[in-house]
Amino acid sequence: MKAMRKYAAFVGFECQINAYGVSKASEVGPDADCILVGPQIRYQVDAVKKEVSNVPVEAIDMKAYGMLDGEKVIAQAKRMMGI
């Protein structure tokens, strides 16, 4: 999250980046523009999609996650949101 926030601030992309457990998906997910799931729990993507059917959900690219590549993850989120 820190790398994503840092990159977003660097390029002037205004956004909110928060982390929640999968069990909170139905509670906080409907208000999100997109949901990124850590690669270590990518198997939960379908379960999250069922909880928030109108929000795009994907697993973060494993390489980007491991390398703390905030730029790549922000690019993924923007693509998911169509911006």
PDB file of N, CA and C in Angstrom:
ATOM      1  N   MET A   1       0.810  -1.190   0.000  1.00  0.00           N
ATOM      2  CA  MET A   1       0.000   0.000   0.000  1.00  0.00           C
ATOM      3  C   MET A   1       0.857   1.258   0.000  1.00  0.00           C
ATOM      4  N   LYS A   2       1.940   1.212   0.757  1.00  0.00           N
ATOM      5  CA  LYS A   2       2.789   2.403   0.826  1.00  0.00           C
ATOM      6  C   LYS A   2       3.340   2.767  -0.548  1.00  0.00           C
ATOM      7  N   ALA A   3       3.777   1.764  -1.300  1.00  0.00           N
ATOM      8  CA  ALA A   3       4.337   2.024  -2.629  1.00  0.00           C
ATOM      9  C   ALA A   3       3.266   2.574  -3.563  1.00  0.00           C
ATOM     10  N   MET A   4       2.055   2.067  -3.451  1.00  0.00           N
ATOM     11  CA  MET A   4       0.959   2.557  -4.285  1.00  0.00           C
ATOM     12  C   MET A   4       0.624   4.002  -3.925  1.00  0.00           C
ATOM     13  N   ARG A   5       0.515   4.269  -2.646  1.00  0.00           N
ATOM     14  CA  ARG A   5       0.208   5.630  -2.202  1.00  0.00           C
ATOM     15  C   ARG A   5       1.304   6.607  -2.622  1.00  0.00           C
ATOM     16  N   LYS A   6       2.545   6.171  -2.469  1.00  0.00           N
ATOM     17  CA  LYS A   6       3.684   7.026  -2.819  1.00  0.00           C
ATOM     18  C   LYS A   6       3.665   7.348  -4.314  1.00  0.00           C
ATOM     19  N   TYR A   7       3.442   6.341  -5.144  1.00  0.00           N
ATOM     20  CA  TYR A   7       3.416   6.582  -6.580  1.00  0.00           C
ATOM     21  C   TYR A   7       2.226   7.456  -6.970  1.00  0.00           C
ATOM     22  N   ALA A   8       1.064   7.171  -6.417  1.00  0.00           N
ATOM     23  CA  ALA A   8      -0.127   7.973  -6.727  1.00  0.00           C
ATOM     24  C   ALA A   8       0.113   9.444  -6.384  1.00  0.00           C
ATOM     25  N   ALA A   9       0.708   9.708  -5.240  1.00  0.00           N
ATOM     26  CA  ALA A   9       1.009  11.086  -4.845  1.00  0.00           C
ATOM     27  C   ALA A   9       2.028  11.716  -5.789  1.00  0.00           C
ATOM     28  N   PHE A  10       3.023  10.928  -6.174  1.00  0.00           N
ATOM     29  CA  PHE A  10       4.079  11.414  -7.063  1.00  0.00           C
ATOM     30  C   PHE A  10       3.522  11.891  -8.398  1.00  0.00           C
ATOM     31  N   VAL A  11       2.551  11.153  -8.944  1.00  0.00           N
ATOM     32  CA  VAL A  11       1.989  11.517 -10.247  1.00  0.00           C
ATOM     33  C   VAL A  11       0.721  12.364 -10.135  1.00  0.00           C
ATOM     34  N   GLY A  12       0.306  12.672  -8.911  1.00  0.00           N
ATOM     35  CA  GLY A  12      -0.873  13.504  -8.713  1.00  0.00           C
ATOM     36  C   GLY A  12      -2.187  12.792  -8.964  1.00  0.00           C
ATOM     37  N   PHE A  13      -2.193  11.490  -8.781  1.00  0.00           N
ATOM     38  CA  PHE A  13      -3.421  10.709  -8.959  1.00  0.00           C
ATOM     39  C   PHE A  13      -4.139  10.649  -7.617  1.00  0.00           C
ATOM     40  N   GLU A  14      -5.241  11.385  -7.516  1.00  0.00           N
ATOM     41  CA  GLU A  14      -5.989  11.422  -6.262  1.00  0.00           C
ATOM     42  C   GLU A  14      -6.813  10.154  -6.108  1.00  0.00           C
ATOM     43  N   CYS A  15      -6.572   9.452  -5.030  1.00  0.00           N
ATOM     44  CA  CYS A  15      -7.299   8.211  -4.780  1.00  0.00           C
ATOM     45  C   CYS A  15      -7.174   7.846  -3.306  1.00  0.00           C
ATOM     46  N   GLN A  16      -8.024   6.940  -2.899  1.00  0.00           N
ATOM     47  CA  GLN A  16      -7.934   6.367  -1.558  1.00  0.00           C
ATOM     48  C   GLN A  16      -7.536   4.920  -1.703  1.00  0.00           C
ATOM     49  N   ILE A  17      -6.543   4.519  -0.953  1.00  0.00           N
ATOM     50  CA  ILE A  17      -6.066   3.143  -0.992  1.00  0.00           C
ATOM     51  C   ILE A  17      -6.156   2.605   0.426  1.00  0.00           C
ATOM     52  N   ASN A  18      -6.977   1.584   0.602  1.00  0.00           N
ATOM     53  CA  ASN A  18      -7.190   1.000   1.924  1.00  0.00           C
ATOM     54  C   ASN A  18      -7.030  -0.508   1.853  1.00  0.00           C
ATOM     55  N   ALA A  19      -6.739  -1.104   2.982  1.00  0.00           N
ATOM     56  CA  ALA A  19      -6.609  -2.558   3.058  1.00  0.00           C
ATOM     57  C   ALA A  19      -7.629  -3.102   4.048  1.00  0.00           C
ATOM     58  N   TYR A  20      -8.282  -4.167   3.633  1.00  0.00           N
ATOM     59  CA  TYR A  20      -9.264  -4.844   4.477  1.00  0.00           C
ATOM     60  C   TYR A  20      -9.126  -6.344   4.280  1.00  0.00           C
ATOM     61  N   GLY A  21      -9.563  -7.086   5.244  1.00  0.00           N
ATOM     62  CA  GLY A  21      -9.620  -8.527   5.104  1.00  0.00           C
ATOM     63  C   GLY A  21     -10.742  -8.905   4.143  1.00  0.00           C
ATOM     64  N   VAL A  22     -10.627 -10.062   3.535  1.00  0.00           N
ATOM     65  CA  VAL A  22     -11.634 -10.543   2.590  1.00  0.00           C
ATOM     66  C   VAL A  22     -13.010 -10.598   3.244  1.00  0.00           C
ATOM     67  N   SER A  23     -13.062 -10.864   4.529  1.00  0.00           N
ATOM     68  CA  SER A  23     -14.345 -10.957   5.227  1.00  0.00           C
ATOM     69  C   SER A  23     -15.106  -9.624   5.244  1.00  0.00           C
ATOM     70  N   LYS A  24     -14.436  -8.526   4.942  1.00  0.00           N
ATOM     71  CA  LYS A  24     -15.067  -7.199   4.915  1.00  0.00           C
ATOM     72  C   LYS A  24     -15.562  -6.817   3.512  1.00  0.00           C
ATOM     73  N   ALA A  25     -15.386  -7.681   2.530  1.00  0.00           N
ATOM     74  CA  ALA A  25     -15.713  -7.343   1.139  1.00  0.00           C
ATOM     75  C   ALA A  25     -17.145  -6.867   0.978  1.00  0.00           C
ATOM     76  N   SER A  26     -18.094  -7.560   1.561  1.00  0.00           N
ATOM     77  CA  SER A  26     -19.496  -7.165   1.380  1.00  0.00           C
ATOM     78  C   SER A  26     -19.815  -5.860   2.103  1.00  0.00           C
ATOM     79  N   GLU A  27     -19.037  -5.540   3.117  1.00  0.00           N
ATOM     80  CA  GLU A  27     -19.266  -4.329   3.903  1.00  0.00           C
ATOM     81  C   GLU A  27     -18.676  -3.083   3.249  1.00  0.00           C
ATOM     82  N   VAL A  28     -17.435  -3.155   2.805  1.00  0.00           N
ATOM     83  CA  VAL A  28     -16.759  -1.973   2.266  1.00  0.00           C
ATOM     84  C   VAL A  28     -16.599  -2.003   0.748  1.00  0.00           C
ATOM     85  N   GLY A  29     -16.692  -3.158   0.151  1.00  0.00           N
ATOM     86  CA  GLY A  29     -16.478  -3.316  -1.284  1.00  0.00           C
ATOM     87  C   GLY A  29     -17.417  -2.554  -2.185  1.00  0.00           C
ATOM     88  N   PRO A  30     -18.723  -2.501  -1.879  1.00  0.00           N
ATOM     89  CA  PRO A  30     -19.642  -1.802  -2.790  1.00  0.00           C
ATOM     90  C   PRO A  30     -19.311  -0.320  -2.998  1.00  0.00           C
ATOM     91  N   ASP A  31     -18.589   0.298  -2.092  1.00  0.00           N
ATOM     92  CA  ASP A  31     -18.215   1.700  -2.225  1.00  0.00           C
ATOM     93  C   ASP A  31     -16.899   1.894  -2.979  1.00  0.00           C
ATOM     94  N   ALA A  32     -16.229   0.792  -3.317  1.00  0.00           N
ATOM     95  CA  ALA A  32     -14.934   0.875  -3.987  1.00  0.00           C
ATOM     96  C   ALA A  32     -15.111   1.021  -5.498  1.00  0.00           C
ATOM     97  N   ASP A  33     -14.117   1.612  -6.132  1.00  0.00           N
ATOM     98  CA  ASP A  33     -14.094   1.700  -7.594  1.00  0.00           C
ATOM     99  C   ASP A  33     -13.463   0.452  -8.195  1.00  0.00           C
ATOM    100  N   CYS A  34     -12.569  -0.173  -7.449  1.00  0.00           N
ATOM    101  CA  CYS A  34     -11.997  -1.458  -7.834  1.00  0.00           C
ATOM    102  C   CYS A  34     -11.424  -2.098  -6.574  1.00  0.00           C
ATOM    103  N   ILE A  35     -11.247  -3.411  -6.644  1.00  0.00           N
ATOM    104  CA  ILE A  35     -10.695  -4.148  -5.512  1.00  0.00           C
ATOM    105  C   ILE A  35      -9.530  -4.987  -6.016  1.00  0.00           C
ATOM    106  N   LEU A  36      -8.389  -4.807  -5.382  1.00  0.00           N
ATOM    107  CA  LEU A  36      -7.200  -5.595  -5.686  1.00  0.00           C
ATOM    108  C   LEU A  36      -6.936  -6.530  -4.514  1.00  0.00           C
ATOM    109  N   VAL A  37      -6.758  -7.795  -4.830  1.00  0.00           N
ATOM    110  CA  VAL A  37      -6.511  -8.826  -3.823  1.00  0.00           C
ATOM    111  C   VAL A  37      -5.043  -9.207  -3.900  1.00  0.00           C
ATOM    112  N   GLY A  38      -4.409  -9.374  -2.759  1.00  0.00           N
ATOM    113  CA  GLY A  38      -3.013  -9.792  -2.740  1.00  0.00           C
ATOM    114  C   GLY A  38      -2.832 -11.121  -3.451  1.00  0.00           C
ATOM    115  N   PRO A  39      -1.693 -11.304  -4.133  1.00  0.00           N
ATOM    116  CA  PRO A  39      -1.484 -12.536  -4.900  1.00  0.00           C
ATOM    117  C   PRO A  39      -1.479 -13.795  -4.039  1.00  0.00           C
ATOM    118  N   GLN A  40      -1.155 -13.661  -2.774  1.00  0.00           N
ATOM    119  CA  GLN A  40      -1.126 -14.825  -1.901  1.00  0.00           C
ATOM    120  C   GLN A  40      -2.526 -15.358  -1.589  1.00  0.00           C
ATOM    121  N   ILE A  41      -3.552 -14.554  -1.848  1.00  0.00           N
ATOM    122  CA  ILE A  41      -4.930 -15.018  -1.653  1.00  0.00           C
ATOM    123  C   ILE A  41      -5.745 -14.865  -2.938  1.00  0.00           C
ATOM    124  N   ARG A  42      -5.087 -15.008  -4.056  1.00  0.00           N
ATOM    125  CA  ARG A  42      -5.769 -14.873  -5.353  1.00  0.00           C
ATOM    126  C   ARG A  42      -6.913 -15.863  -5.497  1.00  0.00           C
ATOM    127  N   TYR A  43      -6.847 -16.963  -4.775  1.00  0.00           N
ATOM    128  CA  TYR A  43      -7.929 -17.949  -4.812  1.00  0.00           C
ATOM    129  C   TYR A  43      -9.241 -17.376  -4.267  1.00  0.00           C
ATOM    130  N   GLN A  44      -9.200 -16.235  -3.603  1.00  0.00           N
ATOM    131  CA  GLN A  44     -10.390 -15.595  -3.042  1.00  0.00           C
ATOM    132  C   GLN A  44     -11.076 -14.620  -4.015  1.00  0.00           C
ATOM    133  N   VAL A  45     -10.493 -14.408  -5.181  1.00  0.00           N
ATOM    134  CA  VAL A  45     -11.032 -13.436  -6.130  1.00  0.00           C
ATOM    135  C   VAL A  45     -12.496 -13.731  -6.465  1.00  0.00           C
ATOM    136  N   ASP A  46     -12.823 -14.972  -6.771  1.00  0.00           N
ATOM    137  CA  ASP A  46     -14.207 -15.305  -7.130  1.00  0.00           C
ATOM    138  C   ASP A  46     -15.167 -15.065  -5.971  1.00  0.00           C
ATOM    139  N   ALA A  47     -14.741 -15.375  -4.762  1.00  0.00           N
ATOM    140  CA  ALA A  47     -15.593 -15.144  -3.585  1.00  0.00           C
ATOM    141  C   ALA A  47     -15.860 -13.648  -3.402  1.00  0.00           C
ATOM    142  N   VAL A  48     -14.837 -12.830  -3.594  1.00  0.00           N
ATOM    143  CA  VAL A  48     -15.005 -11.377  -3.462  1.00  0.00           C
ATOM    144  C   VAL A  48     -15.919 -10.862  -4.566  1.00  0.00           C
ATOM    145  N   LYS A  49     -15.747 -11.369  -5.786  1.00  0.00           N
ATOM    146  CA  LYS A  49     -16.607 -10.952  -6.898  1.00  0.00           C
ATOM    147  C   LYS A  49     -18.080 -11.224  -6.591  1.00  0.00           C
ATOM    148  N   LYS A  50     -18.370 -12.325  -5.942  1.00  0.00           N
ATOM    149  CA  LYS A  50     -19.755 -12.652  -5.583  1.00  0.00           C
ATOM    150  C   LYS A  50     -20.311 -11.656  -4.568  1.00  0.00           C
ATOM    151  N   GLU A  51     -19.465 -11.157  -3.695  1.00  0.00           N
ATOM    152  CA  GLU A  51     -19.889 -10.200  -2.667  1.00  0.00           C
ATOM    153  C   GLU A  51     -20.140  -8.807  -3.236  1.00  0.00           C
ATOM    154  N   VAL A  52     -19.393  -8.438  -4.279  1.00  0.00           N
ATOM    155  CA  VAL A  52     -19.480  -7.091  -4.850  1.00  0.00           C
ATOM    156  C   VAL A  52     -19.572  -7.196  -6.375  1.00  0.00           C
ATOM    157  N   SER A  53     -20.689  -7.650  -6.862  1.00  0.00           N
ATOM    158  CA  SER A  53     -20.838  -7.968  -8.277  1.00  0.00           C
ATOM    159  C   SER A  53     -20.665  -6.783  -9.220  1.00  0.00           C
ATOM    160  N   ASN A  54     -20.813  -5.574  -8.733  1.00  0.00           N
ATOM    161  CA  ASN A  54     -20.702  -4.404  -9.607  1.00  0.00           C
ATOM    162  C   ASN A  54     -19.334  -3.725  -9.544  1.00  0.00           C
ATOM    163  N   VAL A  55     -18.361  -4.315  -8.865  1.00  0.00           N
ATOM    164  CA  VAL A  55     -17.033  -3.726  -8.701  1.00  0.00           C
ATOM    165  C   VAL A  55     -16.000  -4.667  -9.324  1.00  0.00           C
ATOM    166  N   PRO A  56     -15.099  -4.143 -10.167  1.00  0.00           N
ATOM    167  CA  PRO A  56     -14.065  -5.012 -10.731  1.00  0.00           C
ATOM    168  C   PRO A  56     -13.107  -5.509  -9.648  1.00  0.00           C
ATOM    169  N   VAL A  57     -12.794  -6.802  -9.708  1.00  0.00           N
ATOM    170  CA  VAL A  57     -11.921  -7.446  -8.715  1.00  0.00           C
ATOM    171  C   VAL A  57     -10.852  -8.247  -9.453  1.00  0.00           C
ATOM    172  N   GLU A  58      -9.611  -8.050  -9.071  1.00  0.00           N
ATOM    173  CA  GLU A  58      -8.490  -8.810  -9.638  1.00  0.00           C
ATOM    174  C   GLU A  58      -7.443  -9.028  -8.559  1.00  0.00           C
ATOM    175  N   ALA A  59      -6.588 -10.011  -8.805  1.00  0.00           N
ATOM    176  CA  ALA A  59      -5.419 -10.216  -7.951  1.00  0.00           C
ATOM    177  C   ALA A  59      -4.302  -9.306  -8.451  1.00  0.00           C
ATOM    178  N   ILE A  60      -3.537  -8.775  -7.543  1.00  0.00           N
ATOM    179  CA  ILE A  60      -2.377  -7.955  -7.908  1.00  0.00           C
ATOM    180  C   ILE A  60      -1.345  -8.864  -8.563  1.00  0.00           C
ATOM    181  N   ASP A  61      -0.729  -8.359  -9.615  1.00  0.00           N
ATOM    182  CA  ASP A  61       0.342  -9.083 -10.281  1.00  0.00           C
ATOM    183  C   ASP A  61       1.411  -9.471  -9.256  1.00  0.00           C
ATOM    184  N   MET A  62       1.773 -10.754  -9.230  1.00  0.00           N
ATOM    185  CA  MET A  62       2.696 -11.259  -8.215  1.00  0.00           C
ATOM    186  C   MET A  62       4.061 -10.572  -8.269  1.00  0.00           C
ATOM    187  N   LYS A  63       4.568 -10.339  -9.461  1.00  0.00           N
ATOM    188  CA  LYS A  63       5.872  -9.694  -9.594  1.00  0.00           C
ATOM    189  C   LYS A  63       5.822  -8.251  -9.090  1.00  0.00           C
ATOM    190  N   ALA A  64       4.770  -7.528  -9.479  1.00  0.00           N
ATOM    191  CA  ALA A  64       4.620  -6.132  -9.029  1.00  0.00           C
ATOM    192  C   ALA A  64       4.504  -6.078  -7.511  1.00  0.00           C
ATOM    193  N   TYR A  65       3.751  -7.018  -6.945  1.00  0.00           N
ATOM    194  CA  TYR A  65       3.571  -7.073  -5.494  1.00  0.00           C
ATOM    195  C   TYR A  65       4.906  -7.341  -4.799  1.00  0.00           C
ATOM    196  N   GLY A  66       5.618  -8.326  -5.285  1.00  0.00           N
ATOM    197  CA  GLY A  66       6.891  -8.708  -4.671  1.00  0.00           C
ATOM    198  C   GLY A  66       7.960  -7.635  -4.774  1.00  0.00           C
ATOM    199  N   MET A  67       7.909  -6.861  -5.852  1.00  0.00           N
ATOM    200  CA  MET A  67       8.918  -5.818  -6.057  1.00  0.00           C
ATOM    201  C   MET A  67       8.452  -4.464  -5.531  1.00  0.00           C
ATOM    202  N   LEU A  68       7.283  -4.440  -4.878  1.00  0.00           N
ATOM    203  CA  LEU A  68       6.722  -3.190  -4.362  1.00  0.00           C
ATOM    204  C   LEU A  68       6.623  -2.143  -5.457  1.00  0.00           C
ATOM    205  N   ASP A  69       6.162  -2.566  -6.636  1.00  0.00           N
ATOM    206  CA  ASP A  69       6.069  -1.697  -7.801  1.00  0.00           C
ATOM    207  C   ASP A  69       4.725  -0.973  -7.803  1.00  0.00           C
ATOM    208  N   GLY A  70       4.668   0.132  -7.065  1.00  0.00           N
ATOM    209  CA  GLY A  70       3.447   0.908  -6.957  1.00  0.00           C
ATOM    210  C   GLY A  70       2.951   1.411  -8.299  1.00  0.00           C
ATOM    211  N   GLU A  71       3.862   1.744  -9.193  1.00  0.00           N
ATOM    212  CA  GLU A  71       3.477   2.238 -10.521  1.00  0.00           C
ATOM    213  C   GLU A  71       2.674   1.178 -11.274  1.00  0.00           C
ATOM    214  N   LYS A  72       3.153  -0.042 -11.253  1.00  0.00           N
ATOM    215  CA  LYS A  72       2.480  -1.122 -11.982  1.00  0.00           C
ATOM    216  C   LYS A  72       1.111  -1.430 -11.368  1.00  0.00           C
ATOM    217  N   VAL A  73       1.014  -1.400 -10.051  1.00  0.00           N
ATOM    218  CA  VAL A  73      -0.259  -1.712  -9.396  1.00  0.00           C
ATOM    219  C   VAL A  73      -1.268  -0.582  -9.625  1.00  0.00           C
ATOM    220  N   ILE A  74      -0.807   0.658  -9.597  1.00  0.00           N
ATOM    221  CA  ILE A  74      -1.699   1.785  -9.900  1.00  0.00           C
ATOM    222  C   ILE A  74      -2.173   1.686 -11.345  1.00  0.00           C
ATOM    223  N   ALA A  75      -1.290   1.303 -12.251  1.00  0.00           N
ATOM    224  CA  ALA A  75      -1.681   1.128 -13.650  1.00  0.00           C
ATOM    225  C   ALA A  75      -2.746   0.035 -13.776  1.00  0.00           C
ATOM    226  N   GLN A  76      -2.603  -1.029 -13.025  1.00  0.00           N
ATOM    227  CA  GLN A  76      -3.602  -2.097 -13.031  1.00  0.00           C
ATOM    228  C   GLN A  76      -4.947  -1.577 -12.535  1.00  0.00           C
ATOM    229  N   ALA A  77      -4.926  -0.837 -11.443  1.00  0.00           N
ATOM    230  CA  ALA A  77      -6.176  -0.284 -10.884  1.00  0.00           C
ATOM    231  C   ALA A  77      -6.833   0.678 -11.880  1.00  0.00           C
ATOM    232  N   LYS A  78      -6.045   1.521 -12.528  1.00  0.00           N
ATOM    233  CA  LYS A  78      -6.597   2.460 -13.508  1.00  0.00           C
ATOM    234  C   LYS A  78      -7.228   1.703 -14.666  1.00  0.00           C
ATOM    235  N   ARG A  79      -6.566   0.660 -15.139  1.00  0.00           N
ATOM    236  CA  ARG A  79      -7.110  -0.143 -16.237  1.00  0.00           C
ATOM    237  C   ARG A  79      -8.445  -0.751 -15.816  1.00  0.00           C
ATOM    238  N   MET A  80      -8.511  -1.271 -14.588  1.00  0.00           N
ATOM    239  CA  MET A  80      -9.738  -1.882 -14.083  1.00  0.00           C
ATOM    240  C   MET A  80     -10.882  -0.875 -14.046  1.00  0.00           C
ATOM    241  N   MET A  81     -10.547   0.381 -13.732  1.00  0.00           N
ATOM    242  CA  MET A  81     -11.566   1.431 -13.618  1.00  0.00           C
ATOM    243  C   MET A  81     -11.841   2.108 -14.955  1.00  0.00           C
ATOM    244  N   GLY A  82     -11.075   1.751 -15.987  1.00  0.00           N
ATOM    245  CA  GLY A  82     -11.282   2.351 -17.301  1.00  0.00           C
ATOM    246  C   GLY A  82     -10.770   3.754 -17.435  1.00  0.00           C
ATOM    247  N   ILE A  83      -9.702   4.069 -16.689  1.00  0.00           N
ATOM    248  CA  ILE A  83      -9.110   5.418 -16.790  1.00  0.00           C
ATOM    249  C   ILE A  83      -7.635   5.333 -17.146  1.00  0.00           C
TER     250      ILE A  83
END
